[in-house]
Amino acid sequence: MLVWSPNQNLSEAKLDEYIAIAKEKHGYNMEQALGMLFWHKHNIEKSLADLPNFTPFPDEWTVEDKVLFEQAFSFHGKTFHRIQQMLPDKSIASLVKFYYSWKKTRTKTSVMDRHARKQKREREESEDEMEEANGNNPIDIEVEQNKESKKEVPPAETVPQVKKEKHSTQAKNRAKRKPPKGMFLSQEDVEAVSANATAATTVLRQLDMELVSIKRQIQNIKQTNSALKEKLEGGIEQYRLPEVRPFSDLSIRKYGRDFQAISDVIGNKSVVQVKNFFVNYRRRFNIDEVLQEWEAEHGKEETNGTNSQKPVKSPDNSTKMSEEEDEVNPI
């Protein structure tokens, strides 16, 4: 890191000429040009010869430069040659380029403007408070009126009137101010409070009672919500309906391949329809698995009589049920 150190052998005129050449011909700013001069031990000729061999860093704007630009812009507006007087290291092209980039990212009011406006508002409020404490004193007004009455000059009589008007306008402005954030005033409440001395306490007592009742309601709602959350944590399994098995599944689990018994139990289906149901809906209702479970429980010996009757794979059209009828009237 290079730090500029002045030299007694160099005059200010030579330094200014060297900086101007470095800035105009090679695009160096003041710090870069002085760094090059310090590198060559304050030899201007060597520095000028070495300037074309290096490319200067891009034009960077420090925080101080940005603050100076905002101040200059607030004073001079878009008069960039006057802004350049406060930022001599920056060219007009650089100032214009930074202005457009700064304009895009700039809010409606800059930080400095908001700070100045805040200070001005605080100053006005403090002045209003001082005027309320001193200016509205009736004794001071009477003293001023007596002094003015003693004077014989007629224009002096209008001075206290101007002050009165000033105080009255300030009082009107104070009356027009909005209440603080979160505070709401109604005309009825103000009239009730100003009616007598005890009205203010009664109004405040009513507001306190309303606040207590609202807090109680909030507490009750919280308790209700916590109780509902505890019920939800238990799940909804207790409210689920038991799984309903089709009547055909129950019949097959009880009678196996005894189609006659299944037909007698169902009542409105014939033996042929039961056999067709076994063939057509074997996969849909997992009839094979149900039969295997029945055979495992009752044994294959009990099914010998029923196994001799082979199920009809291609029944007659007069006895075969369609899938739509079975879906409407499941077994």
Protein backbone atom coordinates (compact mmCIF):
# COMPACT_ATOMS: atom_id res chain seq x y z
CA MET A 1 0.00 0.00 0.00
CA LEU A 2 1.38 3.37 -1.04
CA VAL A 3 0.93 6.49 1.06
CA TRP A 4 1.67 9.89 -0.42
CA SER A 5 4.54 11.74 1.17
CA PRO A 6 5.19 15.34 0.04
CA ASN A 7 8.56 16.47 -1.19
CA GLN A 8 10.01 19.93 -0.73
CA ASN A 9 11.72 19.89 -4.16
CA LEU A 10 8.37 19.78 -6.00
CA SER A 11 6.33 22.91 -6.39
CA GLU A 12 2.56 23.04 -6.30
CA ALA A 13 2.39 24.17 -9.93
CA LYS A 14 4.35 21.15 -11.16
CA LEU A 15 2.19 18.82 -9.10
CA ASP A 16 -1.01 20.34 -10.51
CA GLU A 17 0.32 20.08 -14.06
CA TYR A 18 1.36 16.45 -13.52
CA ILE A 19 -2.02 15.53 -12.02
CA ALA A 20 -3.87 17.24 -14.89
CA ILE A 21 -1.85 15.32 -17.51
CA ALA A 22 -2.40 12.01 -15.71
CA LYS A 23 -6.11 12.68 -15.43
CA GLU A 24 -6.80 13.94 -18.96
CA LYS A 25 -4.51 11.70 -21.03
CA HIS A 26 -4.37 8.48 -19.03
CA GLY A 27 -7.51 8.48 -16.87
CA TYR A 28 -5.74 8.50 -13.50
CA ASN A 29 -7.34 10.13 -10.52
CA MET A 30 -5.38 12.19 -8.02
CA GLU A 31 -4.57 9.33 -5.66
CA GLN A 32 -3.39 7.06 -8.46
CA ALA A 33 -1.24 9.78 -10.03
CA LEU A 34 0.37 10.66 -6.70
CA GLY A 35 0.97 6.97 -6.01
CA MET A 36 2.81 6.62 -9.30
CA LEU A 37 4.87 9.73 -8.48
CA PHE A 38 5.75 8.35 -5.05
CA TRP A 39 6.74 5.03 -6.64
CA HIS A 40 9.31 6.85 -8.82
CA LYS A 41 10.62 8.82 -5.85
CA HIS A 42 9.01 12.14 -6.85
CA ASN A 43 10.54 12.11 -10.33
CA ILE A 44 7.90 13.66 -12.57
CA GLU A 45 9.59 12.73 -15.87
CA LYS A 46 9.83 9.02 -14.99
CA SER A 47 6.26 9.04 -13.70
CA LEU A 48 4.93 10.61 -16.91
CA ALA A 49 6.84 8.06 -18.98
CA ASP A 50 5.48 5.17 -16.88
CA LEU A 51 1.83 6.27 -16.84
CA PRO A 52 0.91 4.66 -20.22
CA ASN A 53 2.28 1.29 -19.06
CA PHE A 54 -0.46 0.75 -16.51
CA THR A 55 -4.23 0.74 -16.60
CA PRO A 56 -5.78 2.67 -13.74
CA PHE A 57 -8.41 1.11 -11.54
CA PRO A 58 -12.02 1.80 -12.46
CA ASP A 59 -13.63 4.90 -11.11
CA GLU A 60 -14.72 4.00 -7.59
CA TRP A 61 -16.99 6.07 -5.41
CA THR A 62 -16.28 6.05 -1.70
CA VAL A 63 -18.82 6.86 0.98
CA GLU A 64 -17.35 10.34 1.35
CA ASP A 65 -17.66 10.94 -2.39
CA LYS A 66 -21.31 9.89 -2.35
CA VAL A 67 -22.09 12.17 0.60
CA LEU A 68 -20.34 15.08 -1.12
CA PHE A 69 -22.29 14.38 -4.29
CA GLU A 70 -25.60 14.43 -2.40
CA GLN A 71 -24.68 17.71 -0.74
CA ALA A 72 -23.57 19.27 -4.03
CA PHE A 73 -26.69 18.00 -5.80
CA SER A 74 -28.93 19.49 -3.11
CA PHE A 75 -27.19 22.85 -3.60
CA HIS A 76 -26.68 22.99 -7.38
CA GLY A 77 -29.12 20.45 -8.82
CA LYS A 78 -28.06 19.10 -12.22
CA THR A 79 -25.37 21.73 -12.74
CA PHE A 80 -22.56 19.19 -12.97
CA HIS A 81 -19.73 21.66 -13.58
CA ARG A 82 -20.51 23.20 -10.18
CA ILE A 83 -20.73 19.77 -8.59
CA GLN A 84 -17.29 19.06 -10.06
CA GLN A 85 -15.89 21.95 -8.03
CA MET A 86 -16.69 19.99 -4.86
CA LEU A 87 -15.41 16.73 -6.42
CA PRO A 88 -12.38 17.76 -8.50
CA ASP A 89 -11.20 14.15 -8.88
CA LYS A 90 -14.32 13.20 -10.82
CA SER A 91 -14.94 14.07 -14.43
CA ILE A 92 -18.28 15.35 -15.66
CA ALA A 93 -18.90 12.07 -17.48
CA SER A 94 -18.28 10.18 -14.25
CA LEU A 95 -20.62 12.52 -12.38
CA VAL A 96 -23.39 12.07 -14.94
CA LYS A 97 -22.96 8.28 -14.93
CA PHE A 98 -23.08 8.15 -11.13
CA TYR A 99 -26.10 10.47 -11.10
CA TYR A 100 -28.22 8.07 -13.14
CA SER A 101 -27.17 5.03 -11.09
CA TRP A 102 -27.76 6.99 -7.89
CA LYS A 103 -31.14 8.17 -9.14
CA LYS A 104 -32.36 4.57 -9.65
CA THR A 105 -31.41 3.38 -6.18
CA ARG A 106 -32.35 6.64 -4.46
CA THR A 107 -35.57 6.74 -2.47
CA LYS A 108 -37.94 9.67 -2.51
CA THR A 109 -35.90 11.40 0.20
CA SER A 110 -32.31 10.61 1.02
CA VAL A 111 -31.04 9.80 4.48
CA MET A 112 -29.67 13.29 4.91
CA ASP A 113 -32.96 14.87 3.85
CA ARG A 114 -34.93 12.71 6.27
CA HIS A 115 -32.50 13.51 9.08
CA ALA A 116 -32.70 17.26 8.37
CA ARG A 117 -36.48 17.09 8.21
CA LYS A 118 -36.62 15.20 11.49
CA GLN A 119 -34.40 17.78 13.19
CA LYS A 120 -36.55 20.59 11.82
CA ARG A 121 -39.73 18.94 13.10
CA GLU A 122 -38.20 18.40 16.55
CA ARG A 123 -37.06 22.04 16.61
CA GLU A 124 -40.55 23.25 15.74
CA GLU A 125 -42.10 21.07 18.43
CA SER A 126 -39.68 22.40 21.04
CA GLU A 127 -40.47 25.96 19.97
CA ASP A 128 -44.20 25.24 20.27
CA GLU A 129 -43.69 23.89 23.76
CA MET A 130 -41.73 26.98 24.75
CA GLU A 131 -44.45 29.20 23.32
CA GLU A 132 -47.09 27.25 25.24
CA ALA A 133 -45.12 27.72 28.45
CA ASN A 134 -44.27 31.40 27.93
CA GLY A 135 -46.33 32.94 25.12
CA ASN A 136 -49.78 32.08 26.46
CA ASN A 137 -49.20 33.58 29.91
CA PRO A 138 -51.93 36.24 30.47
CA ILE A 139 -49.64 38.35 32.68
CA ASP A 140 -47.10 38.75 29.86
CA ILE A 141 -49.84 39.73 27.42
CA GLU A 142 -51.13 42.40 29.81
CA VAL A 143 -47.63 43.79 30.35
CA GLU A 144 -47.07 44.01 26.60
CA GLN A 145 -50.41 45.76 26.13
CA ASN A 146 -49.57 48.31 28.86
CA LYS A 147 -46.19 49.02 27.28
CA GLU A 148 -47.69 49.53 23.86
CA SER A 149 -50.44 51.77 25.21
CA LYS A 150 -47.84 54.08 26.78
CA LYS A 151 -46.18 54.58 23.40
CA GLU A 152 -47.71 57.22 21.14
CA VAL A 153 -46.52 55.76 17.85
CA PRO A 154 -49.60 54.25 16.11
CA PRO A 155 -47.84 51.44 14.20
CA ALA A 156 -46.61 49.99 17.48
CA GLU A 157 -50.21 49.26 18.49
CA THR A 158 -50.49 46.55 15.86
CA VAL A 159 -47.56 44.53 17.25
CA PRO A 160 -49.43 42.72 20.06
CA GLN A 161 -52.28 41.99 17.67
CA VAL A 162 -49.86 40.27 15.32
CA LYS A 163 -48.50 38.23 18.19
CA LYS A 164 -52.01 37.28 19.25
CA GLU A 165 -52.83 36.17 15.74
CA LYS A 166 -49.62 34.20 15.63
CA HIS A 167 -50.43 32.47 18.89
CA SER A 168 -53.99 31.82 17.79
CA THR A 169 -52.88 30.24 14.51
CA GLN A 170 -50.35 28.11 16.35
CA ALA A 171 -53.05 27.03 18.78
CA LYS A 172 -55.30 26.12 15.86
CA ASN A 173 -52.52 24.10 14.29
CA ARG A 174 -51.94 22.30 17.57
CA ALA A 175 -55.67 21.57 17.80
CA LYS A 176 -55.66 20.10 14.30
CA ARG A 177 -52.85 17.69 15.06
CA LYS A 178 -53.70 14.04 15.05
CA PRO A 179 -53.43 12.01 18.27
CA PRO A 180 -50.51 9.59 18.68
CA LYS A 181 -50.54 6.25 16.94
CA GLY A 182 -52.96 3.82 18.57
CA MET A 183 -55.02 6.57 20.27
CA PHE A 184 -58.54 7.35 19.05
CA LEU A 185 -60.65 10.26 20.26
CA SER A 186 -64.39 10.66 19.88
CA GLN A 187 -66.37 13.83 20.42
CA GLU A 188 -68.76 12.19 22.88
CA ASP A 189 -65.93 11.01 25.13
CA VAL A 190 -64.27 14.42 25.09
CA GLU A 191 -67.54 16.14 26.01
CA ALA A 192 -68.19 13.62 28.77
CA VAL A 193 -64.72 14.10 30.24
CA SER A 194 -64.93 17.90 30.11
CA ALA A 195 -68.42 17.99 31.68
CA ASN A 196 -67.25 17.69 35.28
CA ALA A 197 -64.31 16.51 37.35
CA THR A 198 -65.65 13.03 38.14
CA ALA A 199 -66.57 12.24 34.55
CA ALA A 200 -62.96 11.52 33.63
CA THR A 201 -62.58 8.94 36.40
CA THR A 202 -65.85 7.23 35.45
CA VAL A 203 -64.85 7.01 31.80
CA LEU A 204 -61.45 5.61 32.70
CA ARG A 205 -63.07 3.12 35.08
CA GLN A 206 -65.40 1.91 32.32
CA LEU A 207 -62.46 1.50 29.96
CA ASP A 208 -60.57 -0.48 32.60
CA MET A 209 -63.57 -2.76 33.09
CA GLU A 210 -63.82 -3.32 29.33
CA LEU A 211 -60.13 -4.13 29.21
CA VAL A 212 -60.49 -6.67 32.04
CA SER A 213 -63.45 -8.34 30.33
CA ILE A 214 -61.56 -8.55 27.04
CA LYS A 215 -58.60 -10.15 28.82
CA ARG A 216 -60.95 -12.71 30.39
CA GLN A 217 -62.39 -13.54 26.99
CA ILE A 218 -58.89 -13.99 25.60
CA GLN A 219 -58.01 -16.33 28.48
CA ASN A 220 -61.16 -18.40 27.92
CA ILE A 221 -60.44 -18.65 24.20
CA LYS A 222 -56.87 -19.79 24.94
CA GLN A 223 -58.15 -22.50 27.30
CA THR A 224 -60.68 -23.69 24.72
CA ASN A 225 -58.02 -23.81 22.02
CA SER A 226 -55.64 -25.79 24.24
CA ALA A 227 -58.39 -28.32 25.03
CA LEU A 228 -59.19 -28.72 21.34
CA LYS A 229 -55.50 -29.20 20.54
CA GLU A 230 -55.26 -31.97 23.14
CA LYS A 231 -58.23 -33.71 21.54
CA LEU A 232 -56.65 -33.43 18.10
CA GLU A 233 -53.42 -34.99 19.35
CA GLY A 234 -55.36 -38.17 20.18
CA GLY A 235 -56.26 -38.61 16.52
CA ILE A 236 -59.56 -39.44 14.87
CA GLU A 237 -59.32 -43.21 15.07
CA GLN A 238 -62.06 -43.41 17.69
CA TYR A 239 -64.45 -41.63 15.32
CA ARG A 240 -63.81 -43.93 12.36
CA LEU A 241 -66.58 -46.37 11.42
CA PRO A 242 -65.66 -50.06 11.56
CA GLU A 243 -64.62 -51.56 8.27
CA VAL A 244 -67.61 -53.14 6.53
CA ARG A 245 -66.88 -56.38 4.72
CA PRO A 246 -69.02 -57.36 1.74
CA PHE A 247 -71.60 -60.05 2.42
CA SER A 248 -70.01 -62.29 -0.20
CA ASP A 249 -66.68 -62.22 1.68
CA LEU A 250 -68.38 -63.26 4.90
CA SER A 251 -70.32 -66.04 3.16
CA ILE A 252 -67.22 -67.47 1.47
CA ARG A 253 -65.28 -67.37 4.76
CA LYS A 254 -68.08 -69.36 6.42
CA TYR A 255 -69.14 -71.85 3.70
CA GLY A 256 -66.19 -72.00 1.33
CA ARG A 257 -67.26 -73.51 -2.01
CA ASP A 258 -70.67 -74.62 -0.78
CA PHE A 259 -72.57 -72.61 -3.40
CA GLN A 260 -75.96 -73.94 -2.31
CA ALA A 261 -75.44 -72.77 1.26
CA ILE A 262 -74.26 -69.34 0.07
CA SER A 263 -77.32 -69.06 -2.20
CA ASP A 264 -79.64 -69.99 0.68
CA VAL A 265 -78.02 -67.40 2.96
CA ILE A 266 -78.18 -64.57 0.39
CA GLY A 267 -81.72 -65.46 -0.59
CA ASN A 268 -82.05 -63.52 -3.85
CA LYS A 269 -79.23 -65.25 -5.80
CA SER A 270 -79.33 -68.66 -7.41
CA VAL A 271 -76.55 -71.24 -7.34
CA VAL A 272 -75.59 -70.43 -10.94
CA GLN A 273 -75.30 -66.73 -10.13
CA VAL A 274 -73.07 -67.52 -7.15
CA LYS A 275 -70.81 -69.64 -9.37
CA ASN A 276 -70.64 -66.87 -11.96
CA PHE A 277 -69.70 -64.43 -9.21
CA PHE A 278 -66.80 -66.71 -8.21
CA VAL A 279 -65.55 -66.79 -11.81
CA ASN A 280 -66.05 -63.13 -12.79
CA TYR A 281 -64.95 -61.43 -9.55
CA ARG A 282 -62.16 -63.76 -8.50
CA ARG A 283 -59.46 -61.07 -8.72
CA ARG A 284 -61.53 -58.09 -7.69
CA PHE A 285 -62.51 -59.51 -4.29
CA ASN A 286 -59.45 -61.77 -3.79
CA ILE A 287 -61.67 -64.84 -3.66
CA ASP A 288 -58.70 -67.22 -4.03
CA GLU A 289 -57.06 -65.86 -0.88
CA VAL A 290 -60.32 -66.10 1.05
CA LEU A 291 -60.74 -69.73 -0.08
CA GLN A 292 -57.17 -70.54 0.96
CA GLU A 293 -57.84 -69.13 4.42
CA TRP A 294 -61.06 -71.16 4.65
CA GLU A 295 -59.28 -74.35 3.58
CA ALA A 296 -56.53 -73.69 6.12
CA GLU A 297 -59.11 -73.37 8.90
CA HIS A 298 -61.54 -76.17 7.93
CA GLY A 299 -59.32 -78.54 5.97
CA LYS A 300 -59.65 -79.89 2.46
CA GLU A 301 -61.69 -82.96 3.53
CA GLU A 302 -64.81 -80.87 4.06
CA THR A 303 -64.54 -79.50 0.52
CA ASN A 304 -64.54 -82.85 -1.27
CA GLY A 305 -68.29 -82.80 -1.74
CA THR A 306 -68.32 -79.29 -3.00
CA ASN A 307 -65.16 -79.55 -5.15
CA SER A 308 -66.82 -82.17 -7.35
CA GLN A 309 -69.08 -79.45 -8.62
CA LYS A 310 -66.97 -77.46 -11.06
CA PRO A 311 -67.81 -73.79 -11.43
CA VAL A 312 -69.37 -72.83 -14.70
CA LYS A 313 -66.90 -70.72 -16.70
CA SER A 314 -69.22 -69.97 -19.62
CA PRO A 315 -72.83 -69.94 -18.34
CA ASP A 316 -75.91 -69.47 -20.47
CA ASN A 317 -77.05 -66.01 -21.39
CA SER A 318 -80.34 -66.55 -19.56
CA THR A 319 -78.61 -67.17 -16.21
CA LYS A 320 -75.43 -65.05 -16.46
CA MET A 321 -75.50 -61.71 -14.67
CA SER A 322 -73.86 -58.67 -16.10
CA GLU A 323 -71.25 -56.72 -14.21
CA GLU A 324 -73.57 -53.75 -13.96
CA GLU A 325 -76.21 -55.79 -12.13
CA ASP A 326 -73.64 -57.25 -9.73
CA GLU A 327 -72.26 -53.80 -8.99
CA VAL A 328 -75.74 -52.49 -8.28
CA ASN A 329 -76.65 -55.55 -6.17
CA PRO A 330 -73.38 -56.86 -4.68
CA ILE A 331 -73.45 -60.21 -2.95
